[in-house]
PDB file of N, CA and C in Angstrom:
ATOM      1  N   MET A   1       9.774  48.628  29.470  1.00  0.00           N
ATOM      2  CA  MET A   1      10.851  49.526  29.100  1.00  0.00           C
ATOM      3  C   MET A   1      10.316  50.760  28.375  1.00  0.00           C
ATOM      4  N   ARG A   2       9.056  50.743  28.050  1.00  0.00           N
ATOM      5  CA  ARG A   2       8.478  51.869  27.343  1.00  0.00           C
ATOM      6  C   ARG A   2       8.536  53.147  28.175  1.00  0.00           C
ATOM      7  N   ARG A   3       8.523  52.995  29.498  1.00  0.00           N
ATOM      8  CA  ARG A   3       8.530  54.170  30.375  1.00  0.00           C
ATOM      9  C   ARG A   3       9.920  54.780  30.559  1.00  0.00           C
ATOM     10  N   VAL A   4      10.959  54.095  30.121  1.00  0.00           N
ATOM     11  CA  VAL A   4      12.313  54.607  30.294  1.00  0.00           C
ATOM     12  C   VAL A   4      12.535  55.746  29.302  1.00  0.00           C
ATOM     13  N   LYS A   5      12.857  56.907  29.841  1.00  0.00           N
ATOM     14  CA  LYS A   5      13.034  58.087  28.994  1.00  0.00           C
ATOM     15  C   LYS A   5      14.388  58.045  28.292  1.00  0.00           C
ATOM     16  N   GLY A   6      14.438  58.569  27.096  1.00  0.00           N
ATOM     17  CA  GLY A   6      15.678  58.625  26.345  1.00  0.00           C
ATOM     18  C   GLY A   6      16.302  60.006  26.355  1.00  0.00           C
ATOM     19  N   ARG A   7      15.547  60.987  26.751  1.00  0.00           N
ATOM     20  CA  ARG A   7      16.063  62.359  26.802  1.00  0.00           C
ATOM     21  C   ARG A   7      15.415  63.088  27.966  1.00  0.00           C
ATOM     22  N   ASP A   8      16.051  64.175  28.368  1.00  0.00           N
ATOM     23  CA  ASP A   8      15.581  64.977  29.505  1.00  0.00           C
ATOM     24  C   ASP A   8      15.466  64.145  30.785  1.00  0.00           C
ATOM     25  N   THR A   9      16.396  63.227  30.979  1.00  0.00           N
ATOM     26  CA  THR A   9      16.411  62.401  32.183  1.00  0.00           C
ATOM     27  C   THR A   9      16.965  63.213  33.352  1.00  0.00           C
ATOM     28  N   GLY A  10      16.796  62.719  34.553  1.00  0.00           N
ATOM     29  CA  GLY A  10      17.316  63.405  35.738  1.00  0.00           C
ATOM     30  C   GLY A  10      18.824  63.654  35.659  1.00  0.00           C
ATOM     31  N   PRO A  11      19.635  62.621  35.358  1.00  0.00           N
ATOM     32  CA  PRO A  11      21.076  62.850  35.250  1.00  0.00           C
ATOM     33  C   PRO A  11      21.439  63.861  34.158  1.00  0.00           C
ATOM     34  N   GLU A  12      20.733  63.796  33.050  1.00  0.00           N
ATOM     35  CA  GLU A  12      21.007  64.742  31.964  1.00  0.00           C
ATOM     36  C   GLU A  12      20.695  66.173  32.403  1.00  0.00           C
ATOM     37  N   MET A  13      19.626  66.352  33.140  1.00  0.00           N
ATOM     38  CA  MET A  13      19.264  67.688  33.610  1.00  0.00           C
ATOM     39  C   MET A  13      20.299  68.228  34.600  1.00  0.00           C
ATOM     40  N   ILE A  14      20.871  67.365  35.425  1.00  0.00           N
ATOM     41  CA  ILE A  14      21.923  67.792  36.358  1.00  0.00           C
ATOM     42  C   ILE A  14      23.109  68.345  35.577  1.00  0.00           C
ATOM     43  N   VAL A  15      23.509  67.640  34.530  1.00  0.00           N
ATOM     44  CA  VAL A  15      24.648  68.091  33.711  1.00  0.00           C
ATOM     45  C   VAL A  15      24.309  69.395  33.003  1.00  0.00           C
ATOM     46  N   ARG A  16      23.114  69.498  32.460  1.00  0.00           N
ATOM     47  CA  ARG A  16      22.738  70.712  31.744  1.00  0.00           C
ATOM     48  C   ARG A  16      22.689  71.923  32.670  1.00  0.00           C
ATOM     49  N   ARG A  17      22.191  71.739  33.893  1.00  0.00           N
ATOM     50  CA  ARG A  17      22.168  72.859  34.849  1.00  0.00           C
ATOM     51  C   ARG A  17      23.589  73.288  35.212  1.00  0.00           C
ATOM     52  N   ALA A  18      24.474  72.313  35.397  1.00  0.00           N
ATOM     53  CA  ALA A  18      25.867  72.638  35.734  1.00  0.00           C
ATOM     54  C   ALA A  18      26.535  73.384  34.576  1.00  0.00           C
ATOM     55  N   LEU A  19      26.289  72.959  33.359  1.00  0.00           N
ATOM     56  CA  LEU A  19      26.870  73.645  32.201  1.00  0.00           C
ATOM     57  C   LEU A  19      26.340  75.073  32.091  1.00  0.00           C
ATOM     58  N   THR A  20      25.064  75.255  32.354  1.00  0.00           N
ATOM     59  CA  THR A  20      24.476  76.591  32.298  1.00  0.00           C
ATOM     60  C   THR A  20      25.090  77.486  33.364  1.00  0.00           C
ATOM     61  N   ARG A  21      25.298  76.947  34.582  1.00  0.00           N
ATOM     62  CA  ARG A  21      25.941  77.729  35.646  1.00  0.00           C
ATOM     63  C   ARG A  21      27.352  78.153  35.240  1.00  0.00           C
ATOM     64  N   LEU A  22      28.037  77.308  34.471  1.00  0.00           N
ATOM     65  CA  LEU A  22      29.392  77.629  34.028  1.00  0.00           C
ATOM     66  C   LEU A  22      29.395  78.563  32.816  1.00  0.00           C
ATOM     67  N   GLY A  23      28.244  78.873  32.298  1.00  0.00           N
ATOM     68  CA  GLY A  23      28.149  79.796  31.168  1.00  0.00           C
ATOM     69  C   GLY A  23      28.383  79.142  29.821  1.00  0.00           C
ATOM     70  N   ALA A  24      28.314  77.828  29.749  1.00  0.00           N
ATOM     71  CA  ALA A  24      28.550  77.119  28.492  1.00  0.00           C
ATOM     72  C   ALA A  24      27.311  77.184  27.611  1.00  0.00           C
ATOM     73  N   ARG A  25      27.546  77.283  26.326  1.00  0.00           N
ATOM     74  CA  ARG A  25      26.461  77.260  25.345  1.00  0.00           C
ATOM     75  C   ARG A  25      26.490  75.888  24.686  1.00  0.00           C
ATOM     76  N   TYR A  26      25.316  75.282  24.491  1.00  0.00           N
ATOM     77  CA  TYR A  26      25.291  73.927  23.960  1.00  0.00           C
ATOM     78  C   TYR A  26      24.017  73.670  23.179  1.00  0.00           C
ATOM     79  N   ARG A  27      24.035  72.585  22.447  1.00  0.00           N
ATOM     80  CA  ARG A  27      22.874  72.122  21.696  1.00  0.00           C
ATOM     81  C   ARG A  27      22.523  70.726  22.209  1.00  0.00           C
ATOM     82  N   LEU A  28      21.264  70.372  22.114  1.00  0.00           N
ATOM     83  CA  LEU A  28      20.808  69.082  22.630  1.00  0.00           C
ATOM     84  C   LEU A  28      20.516  68.098  21.505  1.00  0.00           C
ATOM     85  N   HIS A  29      20.923  66.854  21.715  1.00  0.00           N
ATOM     86  CA  HIS A  29      20.536  65.717  20.884  1.00  0.00           C
ATOM     87  C   HIS A  29      20.693  65.985  19.390  1.00  0.00           C
ATOM     88  N   ARG A  30      21.906  66.319  18.982  1.00  0.00           N
ATOM     89  CA  ARG A  30      22.175  66.597  17.574  1.00  0.00           C
ATOM     90  C   ARG A  30      22.054  65.322  16.751  1.00  0.00           C
ATOM     91  N   LYS A  31      21.042  65.253  15.928  1.00  0.00           N
ATOM     92  CA  LYS A  31      20.789  64.057  15.115  1.00  0.00           C
ATOM     93  C   LYS A  31      21.829  63.865  14.017  1.00  0.00           C
ATOM     94  N   ASP A  32      22.541  64.944  13.641  1.00  0.00           N
ATOM     95  CA  ASP A  32      23.518  64.828  12.569  1.00  0.00           C
ATOM     96  C   ASP A  32      24.868  64.296  13.066  1.00  0.00           C
ATOM     97  N   LEU A  33      24.993  64.029  14.359  1.00  0.00           N
ATOM     98  CA  LEU A  33      26.216  63.473  14.919  1.00  0.00           C
ATOM     99  C   LEU A  33      25.978  62.017  15.322  1.00  0.00           C
ATOM    100  N   PRO A  34      26.997  61.172  15.189  1.00  0.00           N
ATOM    101  CA  PRO A  34      26.835  59.767  15.577  1.00  0.00           C
ATOM    102  C   PRO A  34      26.439  59.635  17.044  1.00  0.00           C
ATOM    103  N   GLY A  35      25.424  58.851  17.302  1.00  0.00           N
ATOM    104  CA  GLY A  35      24.969  58.614  18.662  1.00  0.00           C
ATOM    105  C   GLY A  35      24.053  59.677  19.211  1.00  0.00           C
ATOM    106  N   SER A  36      23.828  60.735  18.471  1.00  0.00           N
ATOM    107  CA  SER A  36      22.979  61.838  18.920  1.00  0.00           C
ATOM    108  C   SER A  36      23.327  62.229  20.358  1.00  0.00           C
ATOM    109  N   PRO A  37      24.496  62.860  20.564  1.00  0.00           N
ATOM    110  CA  PRO A  37      24.949  63.164  21.929  1.00  0.00           C
ATOM    111  C   PRO A  37      23.918  63.957  22.724  1.00  0.00           C
ATOM    112  N   ASP A  38      23.884  63.692  24.029  1.00  0.00           N
ATOM    113  CA  ASP A  38      22.947  64.393  24.902  1.00  0.00           C
ATOM    114  C   ASP A  38      23.218  65.890  24.891  1.00  0.00           C
ATOM    115  N   VAL A  39      24.491  66.255  24.888  1.00  0.00           N
ATOM    116  CA  VAL A  39      24.892  67.663  24.849  1.00  0.00           C
ATOM    117  C   VAL A  39      26.005  67.794  23.821  1.00  0.00           C
ATOM    118  N   ALA A  40      25.866  68.729  22.901  1.00  0.00           N
ATOM    119  CA  ALA A  40      26.889  68.968  21.886  1.00  0.00           C
ATOM    120  C   ALA A  40      27.291  70.435  21.919  1.00  0.00           C
ATOM    121  N   MET A  41      28.590  70.661  21.872  1.00  0.00           N
ATOM    122  CA  MET A  41      29.123  72.022  21.818  1.00  0.00           C
ATOM    123  C   MET A  41      29.926  72.157  20.527  1.00  0.00           C
ATOM    124  N   PRO A  42      29.259  72.622  19.465  1.00  0.00           N
ATOM    125  CA  PRO A  42      29.907  72.663  18.156  1.00  0.00           C
ATOM    126  C   PRO A  42      31.171  73.519  18.112  1.00  0.00           C
ATOM    127  N   GLY A  43      31.181  74.637  18.819  1.00  0.00           N
ATOM    128  CA  GLY A  43      32.362  75.497  18.805  1.00  0.00           C
ATOM    129  C   GLY A  43      33.586  74.833  19.403  1.00  0.00           C
ATOM    130  N   ARG A  44      33.383  73.996  20.402  1.00  0.00           N
ATOM    131  CA  ARG A  44      34.476  73.276  21.050  1.00  0.00           C
ATOM    132  C   ARG A  44      34.668  71.894  20.450  1.00  0.00           C
ATOM    133  N   ARG A  45      33.753  71.496  19.567  1.00  0.00           N
ATOM    134  CA  ARG A  45      33.739  70.156  18.977  1.00  0.00           C
ATOM    135  C   ARG A  45      33.787  69.099  20.080  1.00  0.00           C
ATOM    136  N   LEU A  46      32.882  69.285  21.041  1.00  0.00           N
ATOM    137  CA  LEU A  46      32.792  68.420  22.210  1.00  0.00           C
ATOM    138  C   LEU A  46      31.386  67.827  22.284  1.00  0.00           C
ATOM    139  N   ALA A  47      31.333  66.503  22.415  1.00  0.00           N
ATOM    140  CA  ALA A  47      30.052  65.796  22.553  1.00  0.00           C
ATOM    141  C   ALA A  47      30.035  65.112  23.907  1.00  0.00           C
ATOM    142  N   LEU A  48      28.999  65.371  24.685  1.00  0.00           N
ATOM    143  CA  LEU A  48      28.862  64.759  26.000  1.00  0.00           C
ATOM    144  C   LEU A  48      27.715  63.757  25.984  1.00  0.00           C
ATOM    145  N   PHE A  49      28.004  62.571  26.484  1.00  0.00           N
ATOM    146  CA  PHE A  49      26.992  61.536  26.635  1.00  0.00           C
ATOM    147  C   PHE A  49      26.787  61.325  28.126  1.00  0.00           C
ATOM    148  N   VAL A  50      25.550  61.390  28.581  1.00  0.00           N
ATOM    149  CA  VAL A  50      25.221  61.136  29.987  1.00  0.00           C
ATOM    150  C   VAL A  50      24.614  59.737  30.029  1.00  0.00           C
ATOM    151  N   HIS A  51      25.398  58.784  30.546  1.00  0.00           N
ATOM    152  CA  HIS A  51      24.983  57.381  30.523  1.00  0.00           C
ATOM    153  C   HIS A  51      24.498  56.911  31.878  1.00  0.00           C
ATOM    154  N   GLY A  52      23.427  56.147  31.859  1.00  0.00           N
ATOM    155  CA  GLY A  52      22.970  55.453  33.051  1.00  0.00           C
ATOM    156  C   GLY A  52      23.855  54.243  33.285  1.00  0.00           C
ATOM    157  N   CYS A  53      24.262  54.030  34.507  1.00  0.00           N
ATOM    158  CA  CYS A  53      25.212  52.957  34.821  1.00  0.00           C
ATOM    159  C   CYS A  53      24.659  51.580  34.460  1.00  0.00           C
ATOM    160  N   PHE A  54      23.406  51.334  34.753  1.00  0.00           N
ATOM    161  CA  PHE A  54      22.814  50.028  34.467  1.00  0.00           C
ATOM    162  C   PHE A  54      22.739  49.774  32.965  1.00  0.00           C
ATOM    163  N   TRP A  55      22.242  50.727  32.209  1.00  0.00           N
ATOM    164  CA  TRP A  55      21.979  50.532  30.785  1.00  0.00           C
ATOM    165  C   TRP A  55      23.237  50.416  29.944  1.00  0.00           C
ATOM    166  N   HIS A  56      24.326  51.014  30.407  1.00  0.00           N
ATOM    167  CA  HIS A  56      25.550  51.021  29.602  1.00  0.00           C
ATOM    168  C   HIS A  56      26.679  50.236  30.241  1.00  0.00           C
ATOM    169  N   GLY A  57      26.381  49.484  31.306  1.00  0.00           N
ATOM    170  CA  GLY A  57      27.336  48.556  31.880  1.00  0.00           C
ATOM    171  C   GLY A  57      28.553  49.190  32.518  1.00  0.00           C
ATOM    172  N   HIS A  58      28.345  50.224  33.319  1.00  0.00           N
ATOM    173  CA  HIS A  58      29.456  50.847  34.028  1.00  0.00           C
ATOM    174  C   HIS A  58      29.987  49.883  35.088  1.00  0.00           C
ATOM    175  N   ASP A  59      31.230  50.053  35.509  1.00  0.00           N
ATOM    176  CA  ASP A  59      31.827  49.123  36.464  1.00  0.00           C
ATOM    177  C   ASP A  59      31.602  49.543  37.919  1.00  0.00           C
ATOM    178  N   CYS A  60      30.512  50.233  38.186  1.00  0.00           N
ATOM    179  CA  CYS A  60      30.149  50.581  39.562  1.00  0.00           C
ATOM    180  C   CYS A  60      29.162  49.538  40.090  1.00  0.00           C
ATOM    181  N   ALA A  61      28.720  49.704  41.321  1.00  0.00           N
ATOM    182  CA  ALA A  61      27.815  48.733  41.932  1.00  0.00           C
ATOM    183  C   ALA A  61      26.508  48.588  41.153  1.00  0.00           C
ATOM    184  N   ARG A  62      25.945  49.683  40.721  1.00  0.00           N
ATOM    185  CA  ARG A  62      24.675  49.623  40.009  1.00  0.00           C
ATOM    186  C   ARG A  62      24.850  49.096  38.587  1.00  0.00           C
ATOM    187  N   GLY A  63      25.949  49.456  37.965  1.00  0.00           N
ATOM    188  CA  GLY A  63      26.173  49.029  36.584  1.00  0.00           C
ATOM    189  C   GLY A  63      26.545  47.572  36.445  1.00  0.00           C
ATOM    190  N   SER A  64      27.162  46.999  37.462  1.00  0.00           N
ATOM    191  CA  SER A  64      27.576  45.600  37.366  1.00  0.00           C
ATOM    192  C   SER A  64      26.475  44.641  37.789  1.00  0.00           C
ATOM    193  N   ARG A  65      25.363  45.171  38.250  1.00  0.00           N
ATOM    194  CA  ARG A  65      24.240  44.340  38.662  1.00  0.00           C
ATOM    195  C   ARG A  65      23.484  43.835  37.429  1.00  0.00           C
ATOM    196  N   VAL A  66      23.220  42.540  37.407  1.00  0.00           N
ATOM    197  CA  VAL A  66      22.476  41.939  36.299  1.00  0.00           C
ATOM    198  C   VAL A  66      21.180  41.362  36.869  1.00  0.00           C
ATOM    199  N   PRO A  67      20.039  41.675  36.268  1.00  0.00           N
ATOM    200  CA  PRO A  67      18.782  41.122  36.772  1.00  0.00           C
ATOM    201  C   PRO A  67      18.793  39.594  36.754  1.00  0.00           C
ATOM    202  N   LYS A  68      18.110  39.002  37.711  1.00  0.00           N
ATOM    203  CA  LYS A  68      18.045  37.546  37.794  1.00  0.00           C
ATOM    204  C   LYS A  68      17.112  36.969  36.734  1.00  0.00           C
ATOM    205  N   GLN A  69      16.082  37.681  36.411  1.00  0.00           N
ATOM    206  CA  GLN A  69      15.139  37.241  35.385  1.00  0.00           C
ATOM    207  C   GLN A  69      15.667  37.616  34.006  1.00  0.00           C
ATOM    208  N   ASN A  70      15.608  36.671  33.095  1.00  0.00           N
ATOM    209  CA  ASN A  70      15.987  36.922  31.701  1.00  0.00           C
ATOM    210  C   ASN A  70      17.425  37.416  31.586  1.00  0.00           C
ATOM    211  N   ARG A  71      18.304  36.791  32.318  1.00  0.00           N
ATOM    212  CA  ARG A  71      19.710  37.194  32.430  1.00  0.00           C
ATOM    213  C   ARG A  71      20.418  37.291  31.077  1.00  0.00           C
ATOM    214  N   ASP A  72      20.215  36.294  30.210  1.00  0.00           N
ATOM    215  CA  ASP A  72      20.891  36.298  28.907  1.00  0.00           C
ATOM    216  C   ASP A  72      20.491  37.504  28.066  1.00  0.00           C
ATOM    217  N   TYR A  73      19.211  37.860  28.112  1.00  0.00           N
ATOM    218  CA  TYR A  73      18.744  39.028  27.362  1.00  0.00           C
ATOM    219  C   TYR A  73      19.457  40.296  27.831  1.00  0.00           C
ATOM    220  N   TRP A  74      19.526  40.484  29.155  1.00  0.00           N
ATOM    221  CA  TRP A  74      20.115  41.711  29.681  1.00  0.00           C
ATOM    222  C   TRP A  74      21.616  41.787  29.420  1.00  0.00           C
ATOM    223  N   LEU A  75      22.305  40.673  29.528  1.00  0.00           N
ATOM    224  CA  LEU A  75      23.742  40.665  29.231  1.00  0.00           C
ATOM    225  C   LEU A  75      23.987  41.039  27.774  1.00  0.00           C
ATOM    226  N   ALA A  76      23.180  40.463  26.869  1.00  0.00           N
ATOM    227  CA  ALA A  76      23.328  40.779  25.444  1.00  0.00           C
ATOM    228  C   ALA A  76      22.986  42.239  25.174  1.00  0.00           C
ATOM    229  N   LYS A  77      21.943  42.737  25.832  1.00  0.00           N
ATOM    230  CA  LYS A  77      21.530  44.132  25.611  1.00  0.00           C
ATOM    231  C   LYS A  77      22.622  45.108  26.036  1.00  0.00           C
ATOM    232  N   VAL A  78      23.193  44.897  27.215  1.00  0.00           N
ATOM    233  CA  VAL A  78      24.244  45.794  27.699  1.00  0.00           C
ATOM    234  C   VAL A  78      25.479  45.693  26.803  1.00  0.00           C
ATOM    235  N   ASP A  79      25.802  44.491  26.325  1.00  0.00           N
ATOM    236  CA  ASP A  79      26.935  44.339  25.399  1.00  0.00           C
ATOM    237  C   ASP A  79      26.699  45.104  24.107  1.00  0.00           C
ATOM    238  N   ARG A  80      25.471  45.043  23.589  1.00  0.00           N
ATOM    239  CA  ARG A  80      25.151  45.804  22.367  1.00  0.00           C
ATOM    240  C   ARG A  80      25.270  47.304  22.617  1.00  0.00           C
ATOM    241  N   ASN A  81      24.794  47.755  23.778  1.00  0.00           N
ATOM    242  CA  ASN A  81      24.896  49.178  24.106  1.00  0.00           C
ATOM    243  C   ASN A  81      26.348  49.620  24.186  1.00  0.00           C
ATOM    244  N   ARG A  82      27.196  48.813  24.833  1.00  0.00           N
ATOM    245  CA  ARG A  82      28.621  49.148  24.933  1.00  0.00           C
ATOM    246  C   ARG A  82      29.277  49.204  23.562  1.00  0.00           C
ATOM    247  N   ALA A  83      28.968  48.232  22.702  1.00  0.00           N
ATOM    248  CA  ALA A  83      29.539  48.213  21.356  1.00  0.00           C
ATOM    249  C   ALA A  83      29.092  49.446  20.566  1.00  0.00           C
ATOM    250  N   ARG A  84      27.813  49.805  20.686  1.00  0.00           N
ATOM    251  CA  ARG A  84      27.305  50.993  19.994  1.00  0.00           C
ATOM    252  C   ARG A  84      27.977  52.256  20.510  1.00  0.00           C
ATOM    253  N   ASP A  85      28.172  52.352  21.826  1.00  0.00           N
ATOM    254  CA  ASP A  85      28.827  53.526  22.405  1.00  0.00           C
ATOM    255  C   ASP A  85      30.254  53.659  21.886  1.00  0.00           C
ATOM    256  N   ALA A  86      30.973  52.532  21.823  1.00  0.00           N
ATOM    257  CA  ALA A  86      32.355  52.564  21.324  1.00  0.00           C
ATOM    258  C   ALA A  86      32.391  52.981  19.855  1.00  0.00           C
ATOM    259  N   ARG A  87      31.473  52.439  19.063  1.00  0.00           N
ATOM    260  CA  ARG A  87      31.421  52.782  17.640  1.00  0.00           C
ATOM    261  C   ARG A  87      31.117  54.273  17.452  1.00  0.00           C
ATOM    262  N   ASN A  88      30.170  54.803  18.228  1.00  0.00           N
ATOM    263  CA  ASN A  88      29.835  56.225  18.119  1.00  0.00           C
ATOM    264  C   ASN A  88      31.017  57.100  18.504  1.00  0.00           C
ATOM    265  N   GLY A  89      31.759  56.702  19.537  1.00  0.00           N
ATOM    266  CA  GLY A  89      32.939  57.457  19.946  1.00  0.00           C
ATOM    267  C   GLY A  89      34.001  57.485  18.857  1.00  0.00           C
ATOM    268  N   GLU A  90      34.201  56.344  18.193  1.00  0.00           N
ATOM    269  CA  GLU A  90      35.183  56.278  17.103  1.00  0.00           C
ATOM    270  C   GLU A  90      34.758  57.151  15.927  1.00  0.00           C
ATOM    271  N   GLU A  91      33.475  57.110  15.594  1.00  0.00           N
ATOM    272  CA  GLU A  91      32.982  57.922  14.482  1.00  0.00           C
ATOM    273  C   GLU A  91      33.105  59.411  14.783  1.00  0.00           C
ATOM    274  N   LEU A  92      32.825  59.802  16.018  1.00  0.00           N
ATOM    275  CA  LEU A  92      32.969  61.210  16.396  1.00  0.00           C
ATOM    276  C   LEU A  92      34.439  61.628  16.326  1.00  0.00           C
ATOM    277  N   ALA A  93      35.329  60.770  16.795  1.00  0.00           N
ATOM    278  CA  ALA A  93      36.761  61.082  16.737  1.00  0.00           C
ATOM    279  C   ALA A  93      37.221  61.239  15.290  1.00  0.00           C
ATOM    280  N   ALA A  94      36.706  60.407  14.402  1.00  0.00           N
ATOM    281  CA  ALA A  94      37.061  60.512  12.988  1.00  0.00           C
ATOM    282  C   ALA A  94      36.576  61.825  12.383  1.00  0.00           C
ATOM    283  N   MET A  95      35.508  62.379  12.952  1.00  0.00           N
ATOM    284  CA  MET A  95      34.978  63.662  12.486  1.00  0.00           C
ATOM    285  C   MET A  95      35.665  64.843  13.160  1.00  0.00           C
ATOM    286  N   GLY A  96      36.594  64.577  14.086  1.00  0.00           N
ATOM    287  CA  GLY A  96      37.310  65.649  14.766  1.00  0.00           C
ATOM    288  C   GLY A  96      36.648  66.123  16.050  1.00  0.00           C
ATOM    289  N   TRP A  97      35.743  65.346  16.599  1.00  0.00           N
ATOM    290  CA  TRP A  97      35.043  65.704  17.829  1.00  0.00           C
ATOM    291  C   TRP A  97      35.629  64.932  19.000  1.00  0.00           C
ATOM    292  N   ARG A  98      35.570  65.534  20.184  1.00  0.00           N
ATOM    293  CA  ARG A  98      35.910  64.825  21.426  1.00  0.00           C
ATOM    294  C   ARG A  98      34.610  64.290  22.005  1.00  0.00           C
ATOM    295  N   ALA A  99      34.584  63.010  22.306  1.00  0.00           N
ATOM    296  CA  ALA A  99      33.405  62.400  22.924  1.00  0.00           C
ATOM    297  C   ALA A  99      33.752  62.068  24.368  1.00  0.00           C
ATOM    298  N   GLU A 100      32.950  62.566  25.295  1.00  0.00           N
ATOM    299  CA  GLU A 100      33.157  62.306  26.722  1.00  0.00           C
ATOM    300  C   GLU A 100      31.896  61.693  27.297  1.00  0.00           C
ATOM    301  N   THR A 101      32.097  60.749  28.205  1.00  0.00           N
ATOM    302  CA  THR A 101      30.978  60.087  28.863  1.00  0.00           C
ATOM    303  C   THR A 101      30.923  60.501  30.320  1.00  0.00           C
ATOM    304  N   LEU A 102      29.771  60.949  30.747  1.00  0.00           N
ATOM    305  CA  LEU A 102      29.527  61.263  32.153  1.00  0.00           C
ATOM    306  C   LEU A 102      28.580  60.195  32.680  1.00  0.00           C
ATOM    307  N   TRP A 103      29.024  59.475  33.711  1.00  0.00           N
ATOM    308  CA  TRP A 103      28.238  58.381  34.260  1.00  0.00           C
ATOM    309  C   TRP A 103      27.298  58.881  35.349  1.00  0.00           C
ATOM    310  N   GLU A 104      26.161  58.239  35.434  1.00  0.00           N
ATOM    311  CA  GLU A 104      25.128  58.602  36.403  1.00  0.00           C
ATOM    312  C   GLU A 104      25.675  58.618  37.830  1.00  0.00           C
ATOM    313  N   CYS A 105      26.510  57.652  38.194  1.00  0.00           N
ATOM    314  CA  CYS A 105      27.026  57.576  39.560  1.00  0.00           C
ATOM    315  C   CYS A 105      28.002  58.713  39.871  1.00  0.00           C
ATOM    316  N   GLU A 106      28.637  59.288  38.854  1.00  0.00           N
ATOM    317  CA  GLU A 106      29.589  60.379  39.055  1.00  0.00           C
ATOM    318  C   GLU A 106      28.896  61.715  39.329  1.00  0.00           C
ATOM    319  N   LEU A 107      27.626  61.797  39.036  1.00  0.00           N
ATOM    320  CA  LEU A 107      26.910  63.067  39.149  1.00  0.00           C
ATOM    321  C   LEU A 107      26.487  63.385  40.574  1.00  0.00           C
ATOM    322  N   LYS A 108      26.654  62.438  41.481  1.00  0.00           N
ATOM    323  CA  LYS A 108      26.233  62.660  42.867  1.00  0.00           C
ATOM    324  C   LYS A 108      27.130  63.657  43.587  1.00  0.00           C
ATOM    325  N   ASP A 109      28.381  63.750  43.175  1.00  0.00           N
ATOM    326  CA  ASP A 109      29.326  64.689  43.772  1.00  0.00           C
ATOM    327  C   ASP A 109      29.352  65.951  42.904  1.00  0.00           C
ATOM    328  N   ALA A 110      28.612  66.976  43.321  1.00  0.00           N
ATOM    329  CA  ALA A 110      28.463  68.192  42.517  1.00  0.00           C
ATOM    330  C   ALA A 110      29.796  68.902  42.307  1.00  0.00           C
ATOM    331  N   GLY A 111      30.646  68.917  43.315  1.00  0.00           N
ATOM    332  CA  GLY A 111      31.942  69.582  43.183  1.00  0.00           C
ATOM    333  C   GLY A 111      32.836  68.901  42.156  1.00  0.00           C
ATOM    334  N   ALA A 112      32.863  67.576  42.198  1.00  0.00           N
ATOM    335  CA  ALA A 112      33.670  66.830  41.227  1.00  0.00           C
ATOM    336  C   ALA A 112      33.120  66.997  39.812  1.00  0.00           C
ATOM    337  N   LEU A 113      31.799  67.007  39.686  1.00  0.00           N
ATOM    338  CA  LEU A 113      31.185  67.209  38.375  1.00  0.00           C
ATOM    339  C   LEU A 113      31.557  68.570  37.813  1.00  0.00           C
ATOM    340  N   GLU A 114      31.452  69.600  38.634  1.00  0.00           N
ATOM    341  CA  GLU A 114      31.789  70.943  38.166  1.00  0.00           C
ATOM    342  C   GLU A 114      33.253  71.046  37.775  1.00  0.00           C
ATOM    343  N   ALA A 115      34.131  70.424  38.556  1.00  0.00           N
ATOM    344  CA  ALA A 115      35.564  70.448  38.226  1.00  0.00           C
ATOM    345  C   ALA A 115      35.825  69.739  36.902  1.00  0.00           C
ATOM    346  N   ARG A 116      35.155  68.606  36.687  1.00  0.00           N
ATOM    347  CA  ARG A 116      35.355  67.883  35.430  1.00  0.00           C
ATOM    348  C   ARG A 116      34.837  68.686  34.242  1.00  0.00           C
ATOM    349  N   LEU A 117      33.677  69.315  34.410  1.00  0.00           N
ATOM    350  CA  LEU A 117      33.125  70.114  33.315  1.00  0.00           C
ATOM    351  C   LEU A 117      34.013  71.319  33.016  1.00  0.00           C
ATOM    352  N   LYS A 118      34.556  71.943  34.057  1.00  0.00           N
ATOM    353  CA  LYS A 118      35.481  73.072  33.835  1.00  0.00           C
ATOM    354  C   LYS A 118      36.695  72.603  33.037  1.00  0.00           C
ATOM    355  N   ALA A 119      37.218  71.427  33.371  1.00  0.00           N
ATOM    356  CA  ALA A 119      38.373  70.896  32.659  1.00  0.00           C
ATOM    357  C   ALA A 119      38.016  70.608  31.188  1.00  0.00           C
ATOM    358  N   LEU A 120      36.829  70.094  30.954  1.00  0.00           N
ATOM    359  CA  LEU A 120      36.409  69.816  29.583  1.00  0.00           C
ATOM    360  C   LEU A 120      36.195  71.094  28.777  1.00  0.00           C
ATOM    361  N   LEU A 121      35.743  72.147  29.467  1.00  0.00           N
ATOM    362  CA  LEU A 121      35.469  73.407  28.777  1.00  0.00           C
ATOM    363  C   LEU A 121      36.704  74.273  28.580  1.00  0.00           C
ATOM    364  N   ALA A 122      37.793  73.931  29.277  1.00  0.00           N
ATOM    365  CA  ALA A 122      39.028  74.705  29.157  1.00  0.00           C
ATOM    366  C   ALA A 122      39.551  74.611  27.734  1.00  0.00           C
ATOM    367  N   PRO A 123      40.103  75.708  27.215  1.00  0.00           N
ATOM    368  CA  PRO A 123      40.635  75.670  25.854  1.00  0.00           C
ATOM    369  C   PRO A 123      41.780  74.668  25.754  1.00  0.00           C
ATOM    370  N   THR A 124      41.774  73.908  24.671  1.00  0.00           N
ATOM    371  CA  THR A 124      42.837  72.939  24.463  1.00  0.00           C
ATOM    372  C   THR A 124      43.978  73.603  23.707  1.00  0.00           C
ATOM    373  N   PRO A 125      45.208  73.325  24.125  1.00  0.00           N
ATOM    374  CA  PRO A 125      46.357  73.980  23.458  1.00  0.00           C
ATOM    375  C   PRO A 125      46.600  73.442  22.080  1.00  0.00           C
TER     376      PRO A 125
END
């Protein structure tokens, strides 16, 4: 697991390129925010987390797959990750931030990703 990157991953780079194309300004991996969001937009008080489906237990085909070896370890690990993600989202909400999760499997459709990012960047009434 040492080779698994925690930042500047392929999915994260896809989101960052899309945000740049949309003209959004952002900061990366803010340590002063709960969960150190992959992308933070302080002016909009928006935190984006780009999650890998396997590591965070998404309900897609890749996320619901559990390795056959050391099954109990992996189930516990994904449960801990989900609990941590929920806790970070609650803490961000308490601070007045919107926390959004972009899943790895959702990034394959560039048009849908751009539409979702535009909706997130739209001013809230």
